[in-house]
N, C-alpha and C. Protein backbone atom coordinates (compact mmCIF):
# COMPACT_ATOMS: atom_id res chain seq x y z
N MET A 1 -59.74 0.70 -46.13
CA MET A 1 -60.76 1.28 -46.98
C MET A 1 -60.11 1.84 -48.24
N ILE A 2 -60.80 1.70 -49.33
CA ILE A 2 -60.29 2.17 -50.61
C ILE A 2 -60.97 3.47 -50.99
N GLU A 3 -60.17 4.41 -51.44
CA GLU A 3 -60.66 5.73 -51.87
C GLU A 3 -61.21 5.63 -53.29
N ASN A 4 -62.44 6.12 -53.48
CA ASN A 4 -63.09 6.08 -54.78
C ASN A 4 -63.57 7.47 -55.17
N ILE A 5 -63.00 8.05 -56.20
CA ILE A 5 -63.49 9.33 -56.71
C ILE A 5 -64.75 9.02 -57.51
N VAL A 6 -65.89 9.60 -57.11
CA VAL A 6 -67.14 9.24 -57.76
C VAL A 6 -67.69 10.30 -58.70
N CYS A 7 -67.40 11.58 -58.43
CA CYS A 7 -67.86 12.64 -59.31
C CYS A 7 -67.29 13.97 -58.82
N LYS A 8 -67.53 15.01 -59.56
CA LYS A 8 -67.15 16.36 -59.14
C LYS A 8 -68.23 16.92 -58.22
N ILE A 9 -67.85 17.83 -57.33
CA ILE A 9 -68.88 18.41 -56.44
C ILE A 9 -69.92 19.17 -57.24
N SER A 10 -69.53 19.70 -58.39
CA SER A 10 -70.48 20.43 -59.24
C SER A 10 -71.54 19.51 -59.87
N ASP A 11 -71.31 18.19 -59.82
CA ASP A 11 -72.28 17.23 -60.36
C ASP A 11 -73.48 17.01 -59.43
N VAL A 12 -73.38 17.50 -58.18
CA VAL A 12 -74.46 17.32 -57.21
C VAL A 12 -74.84 18.70 -56.67
N ALA A 13 -75.82 19.31 -57.31
CA ALA A 13 -76.24 20.67 -56.92
C ALA A 13 -76.82 20.66 -55.51
N GLU A 14 -76.80 21.83 -54.88
CA GLU A 14 -77.40 21.99 -53.55
C GLU A 14 -78.85 21.50 -53.58
N ALA A 15 -79.26 20.82 -52.51
CA ALA A 15 -80.62 20.28 -52.35
C ALA A 15 -80.96 19.24 -53.42
N SER A 16 -79.94 18.48 -53.84
CA SER A 16 -80.19 17.42 -54.82
C SER A 16 -79.39 16.18 -54.43
N SER A 17 -79.47 15.17 -55.27
CA SER A 17 -78.75 13.92 -55.01
C SER A 17 -78.26 13.33 -56.33
N LYS A 18 -77.37 12.37 -56.19
CA LYS A 18 -76.85 11.64 -57.35
C LYS A 18 -76.65 10.20 -56.91
N ILE A 19 -77.07 9.28 -57.76
CA ILE A 19 -76.90 7.86 -57.47
C ILE A 19 -75.68 7.37 -58.24
N VAL A 20 -74.76 6.70 -57.54
CA VAL A 20 -73.56 6.15 -58.16
C VAL A 20 -73.46 4.67 -57.84
N GLU A 21 -72.77 3.94 -58.68
CA GLU A 21 -72.54 2.51 -58.48
C GLU A 21 -71.05 2.29 -58.29
N ILE A 22 -70.68 1.67 -57.17
CA ILE A 22 -69.29 1.36 -56.89
C ILE A 22 -69.21 -0.07 -56.37
N LYS A 23 -68.50 -0.92 -57.08
CA LYS A 23 -68.28 -2.30 -56.66
C LYS A 23 -69.57 -2.98 -56.21
N ASN A 24 -70.56 -2.95 -57.05
CA ASN A 24 -71.87 -3.56 -56.81
C ASN A 24 -72.64 -2.92 -55.66
N ASN A 25 -72.27 -1.71 -55.28
CA ASN A 25 -73.01 -0.95 -54.26
C ASN A 25 -73.69 0.23 -54.93
N SER A 26 -74.99 0.35 -54.75
CA SER A 26 -75.72 1.52 -55.21
C SER A 26 -75.72 2.51 -54.05
N ILE A 27 -75.14 3.69 -54.28
CA ILE A 27 -74.96 4.68 -53.22
C ILE A 27 -75.59 5.99 -53.65
N ALA A 28 -76.35 6.59 -52.75
CA ALA A 28 -76.96 7.90 -52.99
C ALA A 28 -76.11 8.96 -52.30
N ILE A 29 -75.70 9.95 -53.07
CA ILE A 29 -74.95 11.08 -52.53
C ILE A 29 -75.90 12.25 -52.47
N PHE A 30 -75.97 12.88 -51.31
CA PHE A 30 -76.88 14.01 -51.08
C PHE A 30 -76.07 15.26 -50.78
N HIS A 31 -76.52 16.40 -51.30
CA HIS A 31 -75.90 17.70 -51.03
C HIS A 31 -76.98 18.57 -50.39
N ILE A 32 -76.90 18.71 -49.07
CA ILE A 32 -77.92 19.40 -48.31
C ILE A 32 -77.26 20.44 -47.40
N ASN A 33 -77.72 21.67 -47.48
CA ASN A 33 -77.20 22.75 -46.62
C ASN A 33 -75.68 22.83 -46.64
N GLY A 34 -75.10 22.65 -47.83
CA GLY A 34 -73.65 22.77 -47.98
C GLY A 34 -72.86 21.55 -47.56
N GLN A 35 -73.52 20.51 -47.10
CA GLN A 35 -72.85 19.29 -46.68
C GLN A 35 -73.18 18.14 -47.63
N PHE A 36 -72.25 17.20 -47.72
CA PHE A 36 -72.46 16.00 -48.54
C PHE A 36 -72.60 14.79 -47.63
N PHE A 37 -73.52 13.89 -48.01
CA PHE A 37 -73.77 12.66 -47.28
C PHE A 37 -73.82 11.52 -48.28
N ALA A 38 -73.43 10.33 -47.86
CA ALA A 38 -73.49 9.15 -48.72
C ALA A 38 -74.14 8.01 -47.96
N LEU A 39 -75.21 7.48 -48.54
CA LEU A 39 -75.98 6.39 -47.93
C LEU A 39 -76.23 5.29 -48.94
N GLU A 40 -76.42 4.10 -48.41
CA GLU A 40 -76.91 3.00 -49.22
C GLU A 40 -78.17 3.50 -49.94
N ASN A 41 -78.30 3.21 -51.21
CA ASN A 41 -79.39 3.79 -52.00
C ASN A 41 -80.73 3.07 -51.85
N LYS A 42 -80.74 1.83 -51.46
CA LYS A 42 -81.99 1.05 -51.44
C LYS A 42 -82.64 1.07 -50.06
N CYS A 43 -83.92 1.41 -50.02
CA CYS A 43 -84.70 1.36 -48.79
C CYS A 43 -84.74 -0.09 -48.31
N PRO A 44 -84.41 -0.37 -47.04
CA PRO A 44 -84.41 -1.76 -46.57
C PRO A 44 -85.80 -2.39 -46.50
N LEU A 45 -86.83 -1.59 -46.54
CA LEU A 45 -88.19 -2.14 -46.44
C LEU A 45 -88.85 -2.40 -47.79
N ASP A 46 -88.59 -1.54 -48.78
CA ASP A 46 -89.28 -1.75 -50.06
C ASP A 46 -88.37 -1.69 -51.28
N GLY A 47 -87.07 -1.46 -51.07
CA GLY A 47 -86.11 -1.46 -52.17
C GLY A 47 -86.11 -0.23 -53.05
N ALA A 48 -86.86 0.80 -52.68
CA ALA A 48 -86.93 2.02 -53.50
C ALA A 48 -85.60 2.76 -53.49
N ASP A 49 -85.34 3.52 -54.55
CA ASP A 49 -84.15 4.34 -54.64
C ASP A 49 -84.29 5.56 -53.73
N LEU A 50 -83.50 5.59 -52.66
CA LEU A 50 -83.57 6.72 -51.73
C LEU A 50 -82.98 7.99 -52.32
N GLY A 51 -82.14 7.84 -53.34
CA GLY A 51 -81.60 9.00 -54.03
C GLY A 51 -82.69 9.80 -54.73
N LYS A 52 -83.87 9.23 -54.86
CA LYS A 52 -85.01 9.92 -55.46
C LYS A 52 -86.01 10.35 -54.38
N GLY A 53 -85.57 10.27 -53.11
CA GLY A 53 -86.44 10.59 -51.99
C GLY A 53 -86.57 12.09 -51.76
N PHE A 54 -87.20 12.42 -50.64
CA PHE A 54 -87.52 13.81 -50.29
C PHE A 54 -86.81 14.20 -49.01
N TYR A 55 -86.34 15.45 -48.94
CA TYR A 55 -85.65 15.95 -47.76
C TYR A 55 -86.65 16.62 -46.83
N ASP A 56 -86.34 16.55 -45.53
CA ASP A 56 -87.17 17.30 -44.60
C ASP A 56 -86.71 18.77 -44.62
N GLY A 57 -87.45 19.64 -44.02
CA GLY A 57 -87.13 21.07 -44.03
C GLY A 57 -85.86 21.43 -43.30
N ARG A 58 -85.38 20.55 -42.41
CA ARG A 58 -84.16 20.83 -41.65
C ARG A 58 -82.92 20.26 -42.32
N GLY A 59 -83.09 19.44 -43.34
CA GLY A 59 -81.95 18.83 -44.01
C GLY A 59 -81.30 17.73 -43.19
N GLU A 60 -82.08 17.08 -42.32
CA GLU A 60 -81.54 16.02 -41.47
C GLU A 60 -81.93 14.63 -41.94
N ASN A 61 -83.06 14.51 -42.64
CA ASN A 61 -83.60 13.20 -43.00
C ASN A 61 -83.96 13.13 -44.47
N ILE A 62 -83.97 11.89 -44.96
CA ILE A 62 -84.45 11.61 -46.30
C ILE A 62 -85.66 10.68 -46.15
N THR A 63 -86.69 10.93 -46.94
CA THR A 63 -87.90 10.12 -46.90
C THR A 63 -87.99 9.28 -48.16
N CYS A 64 -88.21 8.00 -48.00
CA CYS A 64 -88.33 7.08 -49.12
C CYS A 64 -89.47 7.54 -50.03
N PRO A 65 -89.25 7.57 -51.35
CA PRO A 65 -90.28 8.04 -52.26
C PRO A 65 -91.43 7.04 -52.46
N PHE A 66 -91.25 5.82 -52.00
CA PHE A 66 -92.28 4.81 -52.24
C PHE A 66 -93.31 4.74 -51.11
N ARG A 67 -92.86 4.52 -49.89
CA ARG A 67 -93.81 4.37 -48.77
C ARG A 67 -93.57 5.34 -47.63
N GLY A 68 -92.64 6.25 -47.78
CA GLY A 68 -92.46 7.30 -46.77
C GLY A 68 -91.62 6.94 -45.57
N HIS A 69 -90.80 5.89 -45.64
CA HIS A 69 -89.91 5.55 -44.54
C HIS A 69 -88.85 6.63 -44.42
N ILE A 70 -88.44 6.96 -43.20
CA ILE A 70 -87.54 8.08 -42.95
C ILE A 70 -86.20 7.57 -42.42
N TYR A 71 -85.11 8.18 -42.93
CA TYR A 71 -83.76 7.80 -42.51
C TYR A 71 -82.93 9.07 -42.30
N ASN A 72 -82.09 9.05 -41.27
CA ASN A 72 -81.20 10.17 -40.98
C ASN A 72 -80.05 10.20 -41.98
N LEU A 73 -79.77 11.37 -42.53
CA LEU A 73 -78.71 11.49 -43.53
C LEU A 73 -77.32 11.22 -42.96
N LYS A 74 -77.08 11.57 -41.70
CA LYS A 74 -75.76 11.38 -41.10
C LYS A 74 -75.53 9.95 -40.62
N THR A 75 -76.56 9.36 -40.01
CA THR A 75 -76.37 8.06 -39.37
C THR A 75 -76.96 6.89 -40.14
N GLY A 76 -77.91 7.15 -41.04
CA GLY A 76 -78.61 6.09 -41.76
C GLY A 76 -79.67 5.40 -40.93
N LYS A 77 -79.88 5.85 -39.71
CA LYS A 77 -80.84 5.22 -38.80
C LYS A 77 -82.25 5.75 -39.03
N SER A 78 -83.22 4.87 -38.81
CA SER A 78 -84.62 5.23 -38.90
C SER A 78 -85.14 5.55 -37.50
N PRO A 79 -85.86 6.65 -37.33
CA PRO A 79 -86.43 6.94 -36.01
C PRO A 79 -87.59 6.02 -35.65
N PHE A 80 -88.05 5.23 -36.61
CA PHE A 80 -89.22 4.37 -36.39
C PHE A 80 -88.89 2.88 -36.52
N SER A 81 -87.63 2.53 -36.35
CA SER A 81 -87.20 1.13 -36.43
C SER A 81 -87.56 0.49 -37.77
N ASP A 82 -87.42 1.27 -38.85
CA ASP A 82 -87.68 0.76 -40.20
C ASP A 82 -86.45 0.12 -40.82
N GLY A 83 -85.46 -0.18 -40.01
CA GLY A 83 -84.20 -0.70 -40.51
C GLY A 83 -83.21 0.43 -40.63
N ASP A 84 -81.96 0.10 -40.82
CA ASP A 84 -80.92 1.12 -40.94
C ASP A 84 -80.24 1.01 -42.29
N LEU A 85 -79.73 2.13 -42.74
CA LEU A 85 -78.97 2.18 -43.99
C LEU A 85 -77.49 2.23 -43.68
N LYS A 86 -76.71 1.65 -44.53
CA LYS A 86 -75.27 1.76 -44.41
C LYS A 86 -74.86 3.17 -44.86
N THR A 87 -73.98 3.80 -44.11
CA THR A 87 -73.44 5.10 -44.49
C THR A 87 -72.01 4.91 -44.97
N PHE A 88 -71.52 5.86 -45.74
CA PHE A 88 -70.17 5.78 -46.27
C PHE A 88 -69.43 7.07 -45.95
N GLU A 89 -68.16 6.92 -45.61
CA GLU A 89 -67.33 8.09 -45.37
C GLU A 89 -67.18 8.85 -46.69
N ILE A 90 -67.34 10.16 -46.61
CA ILE A 90 -67.27 11.00 -47.81
C ILE A 90 -66.36 12.17 -47.52
N ARG A 91 -65.52 12.51 -48.48
CA ARG A 91 -64.62 13.66 -48.36
C ARG A 91 -64.60 14.41 -49.69
N ILE A 92 -64.23 15.66 -49.60
CA ILE A 92 -64.05 16.48 -50.79
C ILE A 92 -62.54 16.68 -50.98
N LYS A 93 -62.04 16.33 -52.16
CA LYS A 93 -60.62 16.49 -52.48
C LYS A 93 -60.48 17.07 -53.88
N ASN A 94 -59.85 18.22 -53.96
CA ASN A 94 -59.57 18.85 -55.26
C ASN A 94 -60.82 18.98 -56.12
N GLY A 95 -61.94 19.33 -55.50
CA GLY A 95 -63.18 19.53 -56.24
C GLY A 95 -63.93 18.27 -56.57
N ASN A 96 -63.46 17.13 -56.05
CA ASN A 96 -64.11 15.84 -56.30
C ASN A 96 -64.74 15.30 -55.04
N ILE A 97 -65.79 14.51 -55.21
CA ILE A 97 -66.41 13.79 -54.10
C ILE A 97 -65.74 12.42 -54.05
N VAL A 98 -65.19 12.09 -52.89
CA VAL A 98 -64.47 10.84 -52.70
C VAL A 98 -65.19 10.03 -51.64
N LEU A 99 -65.48 8.76 -51.96
CA LEU A 99 -66.09 7.84 -51.01
C LEU A 99 -65.08 6.79 -50.62
N PHE A 100 -65.23 6.28 -49.41
CA PHE A 100 -64.34 5.23 -48.91
C PHE A 100 -65.15 3.97 -48.65
N LEU A 101 -64.76 2.89 -49.33
CA LEU A 101 -65.44 1.59 -49.16
C LEU A 101 -64.45 0.58 -48.63
């Protein structure tokens, strides 16, 4: 896996997201409850940008902004068999968000 510095942690405020492009991959980075998550950005059912989606009150799931499909932030899995999202390993190094592809 290759280490990719994608942005500073200050670029993704708490309870927000940032969409980044790495090697033809659109990836949504989420900052929820002090944790960072990285998921494939496109909803497998309708292609919507999940980085523009909505968080649940517990900070466990993201809801597609187009048709309301739900995906777990940690696993990328849908509780309703709506397809799964690819997740990416994410680490914080020297104030930067680093993804591994």
